[in-house]
Amino acid sequence: MKKRVYQAVALSILATTLTGCIGQMGTSQLVTKANLSAVDNRYGRAGLFVLLSPVYGIAATADLFIFNTVEFWTGKNPITGKSPAVADTPVNAIFKVNSQLDSSLTTVPLASVQNSDIEAAQFRQLDDHTLEMHVAYRNGEQATLRGERNGEKVDFYLDDAFITAVGIDELAQYARNQA
């Protein structure tokens, strides 16, 4: 049983880290910049490169398995701060793969969360028919979104002001489309 758990964890880690193999290699760029800034001639830079080869190896490994993975999932490299992710750079590709791919799979998965103005959100259930979400924004503002089930629909209120009513079947369809 333990062996299967370890295999599942290893496979999950491998699957998520392999998404980041292509990226800006920000940590490696920093090491290269330090090398180029330390000495002003080609022989000194080449010698320093040889001496720093273990550092280059560590930096490249960190890029491949950590920072490029973050870049892939968020659309922005955490070291360089640049976006779009290399994987999203438009080019004239030689091979066109799956032109029928759903558009939701052609954008950065977590970009909307990362680029959001939301600092935190907390949910709580007030009763059997009411859910409330308290939202704190990065600029200090706060808001409360409340959904109240009313028969076959849900009434939504933002800071106690009615904003819309949505049918239960529409919400179920939306949930199915998001899964």
N, C-alpha and C. Protein backbone atom coordinates (compact mmCIF):
# COMPACT_ATOMS: atom_id res chain seq x y z
N MET A 1 0.83 -1.19 0.00
CA MET A 1 0.00 0.00 0.00
C MET A 1 0.87 1.26 0.00
N LYS A 2 1.91 1.26 0.89
CA LYS A 2 2.80 2.42 0.95
C LYS A 2 3.50 2.65 -0.38
N LYS A 3 3.88 1.54 -1.03
CA LYS A 3 4.58 1.65 -2.30
C LYS A 3 3.70 2.36 -3.34
N ARG A 4 2.43 2.04 -3.36
CA ARG A 4 1.51 2.68 -4.32
C ARG A 4 1.34 4.17 -4.02
N VAL A 5 1.29 4.51 -2.74
CA VAL A 5 1.17 5.92 -2.35
C VAL A 5 2.42 6.67 -2.80
N TYR A 6 3.59 6.10 -2.55
CA TYR A 6 4.84 6.74 -2.98
C TYR A 6 4.89 6.89 -4.50
N GLN A 7 4.44 5.87 -5.21
CA GLN A 7 4.43 5.94 -6.67
C GLN A 7 3.48 7.03 -7.15
N ALA A 8 2.32 7.14 -6.52
CA ALA A 8 1.34 8.17 -6.91
C ALA A 8 1.89 9.57 -6.65
N VAL A 9 2.52 9.75 -5.50
CA VAL A 9 3.11 11.05 -5.17
C VAL A 9 4.22 11.38 -6.15
N ALA A 10 5.10 10.41 -6.41
CA ALA A 10 6.21 10.63 -7.35
C ALA A 10 5.69 10.96 -8.75
N LEU A 11 4.67 10.25 -9.19
CA LEU A 11 4.10 10.52 -10.50
C LEU A 11 3.47 11.90 -10.57
N SER A 12 2.78 12.31 -9.52
CA SER A 12 2.17 13.65 -9.47
C SER A 12 3.23 14.73 -9.52
N ILE A 13 4.27 14.57 -8.73
CA ILE A 13 5.36 15.55 -8.74
C ILE A 13 6.02 15.60 -10.11
N LEU A 14 6.29 14.46 -10.68
CA LEU A 14 6.91 14.40 -11.99
C LEU A 14 6.03 15.06 -13.04
N ALA A 15 4.74 14.79 -13.00
CA ALA A 15 3.82 15.35 -14.00
C ALA A 15 3.76 16.87 -13.91
N THR A 16 3.75 17.42 -12.71
CA THR A 16 3.67 18.88 -12.57
C THR A 16 4.99 19.55 -12.87
N THR A 17 6.11 18.95 -12.49
CA THR A 17 7.39 19.60 -12.75
C THR A 17 7.82 19.52 -14.20
N LEU A 18 7.42 18.50 -14.92
CA LEU A 18 7.81 18.40 -16.32
C LEU A 18 7.12 19.44 -17.18
N THR A 19 6.08 20.09 -16.68
CA THR A 19 5.44 21.15 -17.46
C THR A 19 6.32 22.38 -17.56
N GLY A 20 7.32 22.48 -16.70
CA GLY A 20 8.12 23.68 -16.65
C GLY A 20 9.45 23.61 -17.36
N CYS A 21 9.69 22.60 -18.14
CA CYS A 21 11.00 22.45 -18.77
C CYS A 21 11.34 23.61 -19.70
N ILE A 22 10.35 24.19 -20.34
CA ILE A 22 10.61 25.33 -21.22
C ILE A 22 10.27 26.60 -20.45
N GLY A 23 11.20 27.53 -20.45
CA GLY A 23 10.96 28.76 -19.72
C GLY A 23 12.10 29.74 -19.94
N GLN A 24 12.08 30.83 -19.20
CA GLN A 24 13.05 31.90 -19.38
C GLN A 24 14.40 31.63 -18.73
N MET A 25 14.49 30.59 -17.91
CA MET A 25 15.75 30.24 -17.24
C MET A 25 16.31 31.44 -16.49
N GLY A 26 15.46 32.08 -15.68
CA GLY A 26 15.81 33.31 -14.97
C GLY A 26 16.98 33.17 -14.02
N THR A 27 17.06 32.07 -13.28
CA THR A 27 18.16 31.88 -12.34
C THR A 27 19.47 31.72 -13.10
N SER A 28 19.44 30.98 -14.18
CA SER A 28 20.65 30.81 -15.00
C SER A 28 21.08 32.15 -15.60
N GLN A 29 20.12 32.98 -15.97
CA GLN A 29 20.44 34.31 -16.49
C GLN A 29 21.16 35.15 -15.44
N LEU A 30 20.70 35.05 -14.18
CA LEU A 30 21.34 35.80 -13.10
C LEU A 30 22.79 35.37 -12.89
N VAL A 31 23.04 34.06 -12.95
CA VAL A 31 24.41 33.55 -12.79
C VAL A 31 25.28 34.03 -13.96
N THR A 32 24.74 33.98 -15.17
CA THR A 32 25.47 34.44 -16.35
C THR A 32 25.78 35.93 -16.23
N LYS A 33 24.81 36.71 -15.79
CA LYS A 33 25.02 38.16 -15.64
C LYS A 33 26.12 38.43 -14.61
N ALA A 34 26.11 37.67 -13.50
CA ALA A 34 27.15 37.84 -12.49
C ALA A 34 28.52 37.49 -13.08
N ASN A 35 28.58 36.43 -13.87
CA ASN A 35 29.83 36.02 -14.51
C ASN A 35 30.32 37.12 -15.45
N LEU A 36 29.44 37.66 -16.27
CA LEU A 36 29.83 38.69 -17.23
C LEU A 36 30.22 40.00 -16.55
N SER A 37 29.63 40.27 -15.39
CA SER A 37 29.92 41.50 -14.67
C SER A 37 31.22 41.42 -13.87
N ALA A 38 31.67 40.21 -13.55
CA ALA A 38 32.84 40.05 -12.69
C ALA A 38 34.16 40.34 -13.40
N VAL A 39 34.26 39.96 -14.67
CA VAL A 39 35.51 40.09 -15.42
C VAL A 39 35.20 40.71 -16.77
N ASP A 40 36.15 41.53 -17.28
CA ASP A 40 35.86 42.22 -18.54
C ASP A 40 36.58 41.64 -19.76
N ASN A 41 37.13 40.42 -19.66
CA ASN A 41 37.72 39.84 -20.87
C ASN A 41 37.26 38.41 -21.03
N ARG A 42 37.33 37.93 -22.24
CA ARG A 42 36.76 36.62 -22.57
C ARG A 42 37.46 35.47 -21.88
N TYR A 43 38.76 35.56 -21.65
CA TYR A 43 39.49 34.45 -21.01
C TYR A 43 39.12 34.36 -19.52
N GLY A 44 39.01 35.51 -18.90
CA GLY A 44 38.59 35.53 -17.49
C GLY A 44 37.17 35.02 -17.32
N ARG A 45 36.29 35.42 -18.22
CA ARG A 45 34.89 34.95 -18.16
C ARG A 45 34.81 33.45 -18.40
N ALA A 46 35.62 32.94 -19.33
CA ALA A 46 35.61 31.50 -19.59
C ALA A 46 36.14 30.73 -18.38
N GLY A 47 37.19 31.24 -17.76
CA GLY A 47 37.73 30.61 -16.56
C GLY A 47 36.73 30.64 -15.41
N LEU A 48 36.08 31.77 -15.23
CA LEU A 48 35.06 31.89 -14.18
C LEU A 48 33.89 30.96 -14.47
N PHE A 49 33.54 30.79 -15.74
CA PHE A 49 32.47 29.86 -16.10
C PHE A 49 32.82 28.45 -15.65
N VAL A 50 34.05 28.03 -15.88
CA VAL A 50 34.48 26.69 -15.47
C VAL A 50 34.40 26.56 -13.95
N LEU A 51 34.88 27.57 -13.23
CA LEU A 51 34.83 27.53 -11.77
C LEU A 51 33.40 27.53 -11.24
N LEU A 52 32.50 28.23 -11.95
CA LEU A 52 31.11 28.33 -11.51
C LEU A 52 30.22 27.22 -12.08
N SER A 53 30.81 26.26 -12.76
CA SER A 53 29.99 25.22 -13.39
C SER A 53 29.04 24.52 -12.40
N PRO A 54 29.43 24.25 -11.15
CA PRO A 54 28.45 23.67 -10.24
C PRO A 54 27.28 24.62 -9.95
N VAL A 55 27.57 25.92 -9.89
CA VAL A 55 26.52 26.91 -9.65
C VAL A 55 25.58 26.96 -10.84
N TYR A 56 26.15 26.91 -12.05
CA TYR A 56 25.30 26.87 -13.25
C TYR A 56 24.40 25.64 -13.24
N GLY A 57 24.94 24.50 -12.83
CA GLY A 57 24.15 23.27 -12.76
C GLY A 57 23.00 23.39 -11.78
N ILE A 58 23.26 23.94 -10.60
CA ILE A 58 22.22 24.13 -9.59
C ILE A 58 21.17 25.12 -10.09
N ALA A 59 21.63 26.22 -10.70
CA ALA A 59 20.71 27.23 -11.21
C ALA A 59 19.82 26.66 -12.31
N ALA A 60 20.42 25.91 -13.22
CA ALA A 60 19.64 25.32 -14.32
C ALA A 60 18.62 24.31 -13.78
N THR A 61 19.03 23.52 -12.78
CA THR A 61 18.11 22.55 -12.19
C THR A 61 16.95 23.26 -11.51
N ALA A 62 17.25 24.32 -10.77
CA ALA A 62 16.18 25.11 -10.11
C ALA A 62 15.25 25.70 -11.15
N ASP A 63 15.81 26.21 -12.26
CA ASP A 63 14.97 26.75 -13.33
C ASP A 63 14.07 25.67 -13.92
N LEU A 64 14.66 24.54 -14.28
CA LEU A 64 13.90 23.49 -14.95
C LEU A 64 12.75 22.95 -14.10
N PHE A 65 13.01 22.73 -12.83
CA PHE A 65 12.03 22.03 -12.02
C PHE A 65 11.21 22.91 -11.08
N ILE A 66 11.61 24.14 -10.87
CA ILE A 66 10.85 25.00 -9.96
C ILE A 66 10.35 26.25 -10.68
N PHE A 67 11.28 27.13 -11.08
CA PHE A 67 10.88 28.44 -11.58
C PHE A 67 10.18 28.39 -12.93
N ASN A 68 10.61 27.50 -13.83
CA ASN A 68 9.92 27.38 -15.12
C ASN A 68 8.54 26.75 -14.94
N THR A 69 8.38 25.89 -13.94
CA THR A 69 7.08 25.31 -13.65
C THR A 69 6.12 26.40 -13.16
N VAL A 70 6.61 27.26 -12.27
CA VAL A 70 5.79 28.39 -11.79
C VAL A 70 5.43 29.28 -12.98
N GLU A 71 6.40 29.53 -13.85
CA GLU A 71 6.15 30.34 -15.05
C GLU A 71 5.07 29.71 -15.93
N PHE A 72 5.14 28.39 -16.12
CA PHE A 72 4.16 27.70 -16.96
C PHE A 72 2.75 27.88 -16.40
N TRP A 73 2.58 27.68 -15.09
CA TRP A 73 1.24 27.68 -14.50
C TRP A 73 0.70 29.09 -14.24
N THR A 74 1.58 30.08 -14.04
CA THR A 74 1.10 31.43 -13.73
C THR A 74 1.23 32.39 -14.89
N GLY A 75 2.06 32.06 -15.88
CA GLY A 75 2.24 32.94 -17.03
C GLY A 75 3.30 34.01 -16.83
N LYS A 76 3.98 34.00 -15.66
CA LYS A 76 4.99 35.01 -15.36
C LYS A 76 6.15 34.34 -14.63
N ASN A 77 7.37 34.64 -15.06
CA ASN A 77 8.54 34.05 -14.41
C ASN A 77 8.79 34.76 -13.09
N PRO A 78 8.89 34.02 -11.97
CA PRO A 78 9.06 34.67 -10.67
C PRO A 78 10.44 35.30 -10.49
N ILE A 79 11.43 34.90 -11.25
CA ILE A 79 12.78 35.47 -11.13
C ILE A 79 12.91 36.73 -11.98
N THR A 80 12.53 36.65 -13.25
CA THR A 80 12.68 37.79 -14.15
C THR A 80 11.50 38.76 -14.06
N GLY A 81 10.34 38.27 -13.62
CA GLY A 81 9.14 39.10 -13.58
C GLY A 81 8.53 39.34 -14.95
N LYS A 82 9.04 38.66 -15.97
CA LYS A 82 8.56 38.88 -17.34
C LYS A 82 7.42 37.93 -17.69
N SER A 83 6.54 38.41 -18.51
CA SER A 83 5.48 37.58 -19.07
C SER A 83 5.28 38.04 -20.51
N PRO A 84 4.70 37.27 -21.38
CA PRO A 84 4.08 35.97 -21.16
C PRO A 84 5.14 34.89 -20.97
N ALA A 85 4.67 33.75 -20.53
CA ALA A 85 5.55 32.60 -20.38
C ALA A 85 6.11 32.22 -21.74
N VAL A 86 7.30 31.67 -21.76
CA VAL A 86 7.92 31.24 -23.02
C VAL A 86 6.99 30.27 -23.74
N ALA A 87 6.31 29.40 -22.99
CA ALA A 87 5.41 28.42 -23.60
C ALA A 87 4.24 29.09 -24.32
N ASP A 88 3.94 30.35 -23.98
CA ASP A 88 2.82 31.07 -24.60
C ASP A 88 3.28 32.06 -25.67
N THR A 89 4.56 32.08 -26.00
CA THR A 89 5.07 33.01 -26.99
C THR A 89 4.58 32.61 -28.38
N PRO A 90 3.90 33.53 -29.07
CA PRO A 90 3.39 33.18 -30.39
C PRO A 90 4.52 33.10 -31.42
N VAL A 91 4.53 32.04 -32.19
CA VAL A 91 5.50 31.84 -33.27
C VAL A 91 4.80 31.10 -34.40
N ASN A 92 5.43 31.07 -35.55
CA ASN A 92 4.92 30.26 -36.65
C ASN A 92 5.44 28.84 -36.45
N ALA A 93 4.62 28.00 -35.87
CA ALA A 93 5.04 26.64 -35.53
C ALA A 93 5.12 25.76 -36.76
N ILE A 94 6.08 24.87 -36.75
CA ILE A 94 6.23 23.91 -37.83
C ILE A 94 5.12 22.87 -37.76
N PHE A 95 4.83 22.42 -36.54
CA PHE A 95 3.80 21.41 -36.35
C PHE A 95 2.58 22.04 -35.70
N LYS A 96 1.43 21.85 -36.29
CA LYS A 96 0.17 22.32 -35.72
C LYS A 96 -0.46 21.14 -34.99
N VAL A 97 -0.56 21.24 -33.66
CA VAL A 97 -1.05 20.14 -32.85
C VAL A 97 -2.45 20.47 -32.35
N ASN A 98 -3.39 19.64 -32.69
CA ASN A 98 -4.76 19.72 -32.20
C ASN A 98 -5.36 21.12 -32.35
N SER A 99 -5.65 21.51 -33.56
CA SER A 99 -6.24 22.82 -33.81
C SER A 99 -7.66 22.92 -33.27
N GLN A 100 -8.25 21.81 -32.86
CA GLN A 100 -9.60 21.81 -32.30
C GLN A 100 -9.58 21.91 -30.78
N LEU A 101 -8.44 22.23 -30.20
CA LEU A 101 -8.29 22.31 -28.76
C LEU A 101 -9.19 23.39 -28.19
N ASP A 102 -9.88 23.09 -27.09
CA ASP A 102 -10.76 24.05 -26.43
C ASP A 102 -9.95 25.27 -26.02
N SER A 103 -10.50 26.46 -26.21
CA SER A 103 -9.76 27.69 -25.93
C SER A 103 -9.36 27.82 -24.47
N SER A 104 -10.08 27.18 -23.56
CA SER A 104 -9.71 27.25 -22.14
C SER A 104 -8.37 26.56 -21.88
N LEU A 105 -7.94 25.70 -22.79
CA LEU A 105 -6.67 25.00 -22.63
C LEU A 105 -5.52 25.70 -23.34
N THR A 106 -5.76 26.87 -23.90
CA THR A 106 -4.71 27.59 -24.60
C THR A 106 -4.27 28.84 -23.85
N THR A 107 -4.74 29.01 -22.62
CA THR A 107 -4.34 30.16 -21.82
C THR A 107 -3.69 29.67 -20.53
N VAL A 108 -3.00 30.56 -19.86
CA VAL A 108 -2.30 30.23 -18.62
C VAL A 108 -3.32 29.85 -17.56
N PRO A 109 -3.18 28.67 -16.95
CA PRO A 109 -4.20 28.18 -16.02
C PRO A 109 -4.43 29.07 -14.80
N LEU A 110 -3.37 29.62 -14.22
CA LEU A 110 -3.54 30.37 -12.97
C LEU A 110 -3.34 31.87 -13.13
N ALA A 111 -3.25 32.36 -14.35
CA ALA A 111 -2.99 33.78 -14.56
C ALA A 111 -4.08 34.65 -13.96
N SER A 112 -5.34 34.26 -14.11
CA SER A 112 -6.42 35.10 -13.59
C SER A 112 -6.35 35.20 -12.07
N VAL A 113 -5.92 34.16 -11.41
CA VAL A 113 -5.79 34.20 -9.96
C VAL A 113 -4.61 35.06 -9.56
N GLN A 114 -3.48 34.87 -10.23
CA GLN A 114 -2.28 35.61 -9.89
C GLN A 114 -2.45 37.10 -10.17
N ASN A 115 -3.09 37.45 -11.28
CA ASN A 115 -3.22 38.84 -11.67
C ASN A 115 -4.45 39.50 -11.06
N SER A 116 -5.12 38.80 -10.21
CA SER A 116 -6.32 39.32 -9.58
C SER A 116 -5.98 40.35 -8.52
N ASP A 117 -6.92 41.23 -8.25
CA ASP A 117 -6.75 42.21 -7.18
C ASP A 117 -7.18 41.64 -5.84
N ILE A 118 -7.60 40.38 -5.81
CA ILE A 118 -8.10 39.78 -4.59
C ILE A 118 -6.94 39.30 -3.72
N GLU A 119 -6.94 39.75 -2.49
CA GLU A 119 -5.94 39.31 -1.50
C GLU A 119 -6.35 37.99 -0.87
N ALA A 120 -7.64 37.92 -0.46
CA ALA A 120 -8.13 36.71 0.21
C ALA A 120 -9.65 36.64 0.06
N ALA A 121 -10.17 35.41 0.14
CA ALA A 121 -11.62 35.20 0.11
C ALA A 121 -11.96 34.12 1.12
N GLN A 122 -13.03 34.35 1.88
CA GLN A 122 -13.47 33.37 2.87
C GLN A 122 -14.95 33.07 2.64
N PHE A 123 -15.27 31.79 2.70
CA PHE A 123 -16.65 31.35 2.52
C PHE A 123 -17.20 30.90 3.87
N ARG A 124 -18.50 31.11 4.04
CA ARG A 124 -19.18 30.53 5.21
C ARG A 124 -20.64 30.30 4.85
N GLN A 125 -21.19 29.27 5.45
CA GLN A 125 -22.58 28.91 5.22
C GLN A 125 -23.39 29.50 6.36
N LEU A 126 -24.32 30.40 6.02
CA LEU A 126 -25.12 31.06 7.05
C LEU A 126 -26.27 30.17 7.51
N ASP A 127 -26.90 29.47 6.56
CA ASP A 127 -27.95 28.51 6.88
C ASP A 127 -28.06 27.53 5.71
N ASP A 128 -29.11 26.72 5.69
CA ASP A 128 -29.24 25.69 4.64
C ASP A 128 -29.39 26.27 3.23
N HIS A 129 -29.77 27.55 3.12
CA HIS A 129 -30.05 28.14 1.82
C HIS A 129 -29.16 29.34 1.49
N THR A 130 -28.20 29.66 2.36
CA THR A 130 -27.42 30.88 2.16
C THR A 130 -25.93 30.62 2.32
N LEU A 131 -25.16 31.04 1.30
CA LEU A 131 -23.71 31.00 1.33
C LEU A 131 -23.20 32.42 1.18
N GLU A 132 -22.12 32.73 1.90
CA GLU A 132 -21.58 34.08 1.85
C GLU A 132 -20.08 34.01 1.60
N MET A 133 -19.58 34.91 0.76
CA MET A 133 -18.15 34.99 0.50
C MET A 133 -17.69 36.39 0.84
N HIS A 134 -16.74 36.47 1.76
CA HIS A 134 -16.15 37.76 2.12
C HIS A 134 -14.85 37.90 1.33
N VAL A 135 -14.71 39.01 0.58
CA VAL A 135 -13.55 39.22 -0.29
C VAL A 135 -12.77 40.43 0.21
N ALA A 136 -11.45 40.24 0.40
CA ALA A 136 -10.55 41.34 0.77
C ALA A 136 -9.66 41.61 -0.43
N TYR A 137 -9.64 42.87 -0.88
CA TYR A 137 -8.84 43.25 -2.04
C TYR A 137 -7.48 43.77 -1.59
N ARG A 138 -6.51 43.76 -2.49
CA ARG A 138 -5.15 44.21 -2.16
C ARG A 138 -5.09 45.68 -1.81
N ASN A 139 -6.01 46.48 -2.32
CA ASN A 139 -6.00 47.91 -2.02
C ASN A 139 -6.69 48.24 -0.69
N GLY A 140 -7.11 47.21 0.07
CA GLY A 140 -7.73 47.42 1.38
C GLY A 140 -9.25 47.39 1.36
N GLU A 141 -9.85 47.48 0.19
CA GLU A 141 -11.31 47.43 0.13
C GLU A 141 -11.80 46.01 0.43
N GLN A 142 -13.08 45.92 0.84
CA GLN A 142 -13.68 44.63 1.14
C GLN A 142 -15.08 44.59 0.54
N ALA A 143 -15.55 43.39 0.28
CA ALA A 143 -16.90 43.22 -0.27
C ALA A 143 -17.45 41.88 0.23
N THR A 144 -18.77 41.78 0.22
CA THR A 144 -19.42 40.53 0.62
C THR A 144 -20.40 40.13 -0.47
N LEU A 145 -20.20 38.93 -1.01
CA LEU A 145 -21.09 38.36 -2.01
C LEU A 145 -21.89 37.28 -1.31
N ARG A 146 -23.21 37.35 -1.45
CA ARG A 146 -24.09 36.39 -0.79
C ARG A 146 -25.02 35.76 -1.82
N GLY A 147 -25.18 34.45 -1.72
CA GLY A 147 -26.11 33.73 -2.57
C GLY A 147 -27.18 33.09 -1.70
N GLU A 148 -28.44 33.37 -2.03
CA GLU A 148 -29.57 32.81 -1.27
C GLU A 148 -30.44 31.99 -2.21
N ARG A 149 -30.61 30.72 -1.88
CA ARG A 149 -31.48 29.87 -2.70
C ARG A 149 -32.92 30.28 -2.46
N ASN A 150 -33.64 30.46 -3.58
CA ASN A 150 -35.02 30.89 -3.53
C ASN A 150 -35.79 30.02 -4.53
N GLY A 151 -36.23 28.84 -4.07
CA GLY A 151 -36.93 27.90 -4.97
C GLY A 151 -35.96 27.29 -5.95
N GLU A 152 -36.20 27.51 -7.27
CA GLU A 152 -35.35 26.94 -8.32
C GLU A 152 -34.32 27.94 -8.84
N LYS A 153 -34.03 28.98 -8.04
CA LYS A 153 -33.01 29.95 -8.44
C LYS A 153 -32.21 30.38 -7.23
N VAL A 154 -31.11 31.05 -7.51
CA VAL A 154 -30.27 31.62 -6.45
C VAL A 154 -30.19 33.11 -6.70
N ASP A 155 -30.54 33.89 -5.67
CA ASP A 155 -30.44 35.34 -5.73
C ASP A 155 -29.07 35.74 -5.21
N PHE A 156 -28.35 36.57 -5.96
CA PHE A 156 -27.01 37.02 -5.56
C PHE A 156 -27.06 38.48 -5.14
N TYR A 157 -26.38 38.78 -4.04
CA TYR A 157 -26.31 40.14 -3.49
C TYR A 157 -24.85 40.50 -3.30
N LEU A 158 -24.49 41.71 -3.67
CA LEU A 158 -23.15 42.22 -3.42
C LEU A 158 -23.28 43.38 -2.45
N ASP A 159 -22.71 43.22 -1.27
CA ASP A 159 -22.84 44.21 -0.20
C ASP A 159 -24.31 44.58 0.03
N ASP A 160 -25.15 43.56 0.14
CA ASP A 160 -26.59 43.65 0.40
C ASP A 160 -27.40 44.27 -0.73
N ALA A 161 -26.80 44.54 -1.88
CA ALA A 161 -27.53 45.07 -3.03
C ALA A 161 -27.75 43.91 -4.01
N PHE A 162 -29.01 43.68 -4.41
CA PHE A 162 -29.33 42.61 -5.35
C PHE A 162 -28.63 42.86 -6.68
N ILE A 163 -27.96 41.79 -7.21
CA ILE A 163 -27.29 41.96 -8.51
C ILE A 163 -27.86 41.05 -9.59
N THR A 164 -28.27 39.83 -9.23
CA THR A 164 -28.83 38.94 -10.25
C THR A 164 -29.46 37.72 -9.61
N ALA A 165 -30.26 37.02 -10.41
CA ALA A 165 -30.82 35.73 -10.01
C ALA A 165 -30.45 34.72 -11.10
N VAL A 166 -29.99 33.54 -10.67
CA VAL A 166 -29.55 32.52 -11.61
C VAL A 166 -30.25 31.21 -11.27
N GLY A 167 -30.75 30.54 -12.30
CA GLY A 167 -31.44 29.27 -12.10
C GLY A 167 -30.49 28.18 -11.62
N ILE A 168 -31.01 27.26 -10.81
CA ILE A 168 -30.22 26.14 -10.30
C ILE A 168 -29.67 25.32 -11.46
N ASP A 169 -30.49 25.11 -12.51
CA ASP A 169 -30.02 24.34 -13.66
C ASP A 169 -28.88 25.05 -14.40
N GLU A 170 -28.92 26.40 -14.47
CA GLU A 170 -27.83 27.16 -15.09
C GLU A 170 -26.54 27.01 -14.28
N LEU A 171 -26.65 27.06 -12.96
CA LEU A 171 -25.47 26.90 -12.11
C LEU A 171 -24.89 25.49 -12.25
N ALA A 172 -25.76 24.48 -12.33
CA ALA A 172 -25.30 23.11 -12.51
C ALA A 172 -24.59 22.95 -13.85
N GLN A 173 -25.14 23.56 -14.91
CA GLN A 173 -24.51 23.50 -16.23
C GLN A 173 -23.15 24.20 -16.20
N TYR A 174 -23.07 25.34 -15.53
CA TYR A 174 -21.81 26.06 -15.40
C TYR A 174 -20.78 25.20 -14.67
N ALA A 175 -21.20 24.56 -13.59
CA ALA A 175 -20.29 23.68 -12.82
C ALA A 175 -19.80 22.53 -13.68
N ARG A 176 -20.67 21.94 -14.50
CA ARG A 176 -20.25 20.85 -15.37
C ARG A 176 -19.24 21.34 -16.41
N ASN A 177 -19.44 22.55 -16.93
CA ASN A 177 -18.53 23.09 -17.93
C ASN A 177 -17.16 23.41 -17.34
N GLN A 178 -17.11 23.75 -16.06
CA GLN A 178 -15.85 24.09 -15.40
C GLN A 178 -15.05 22.87 -14.97
N ALA A 179 -15.75 21.73 -14.85
CA ALA A 179 -15.06 20.51 -14.38
C ALA A 179 -14.21 19.88 -15.43
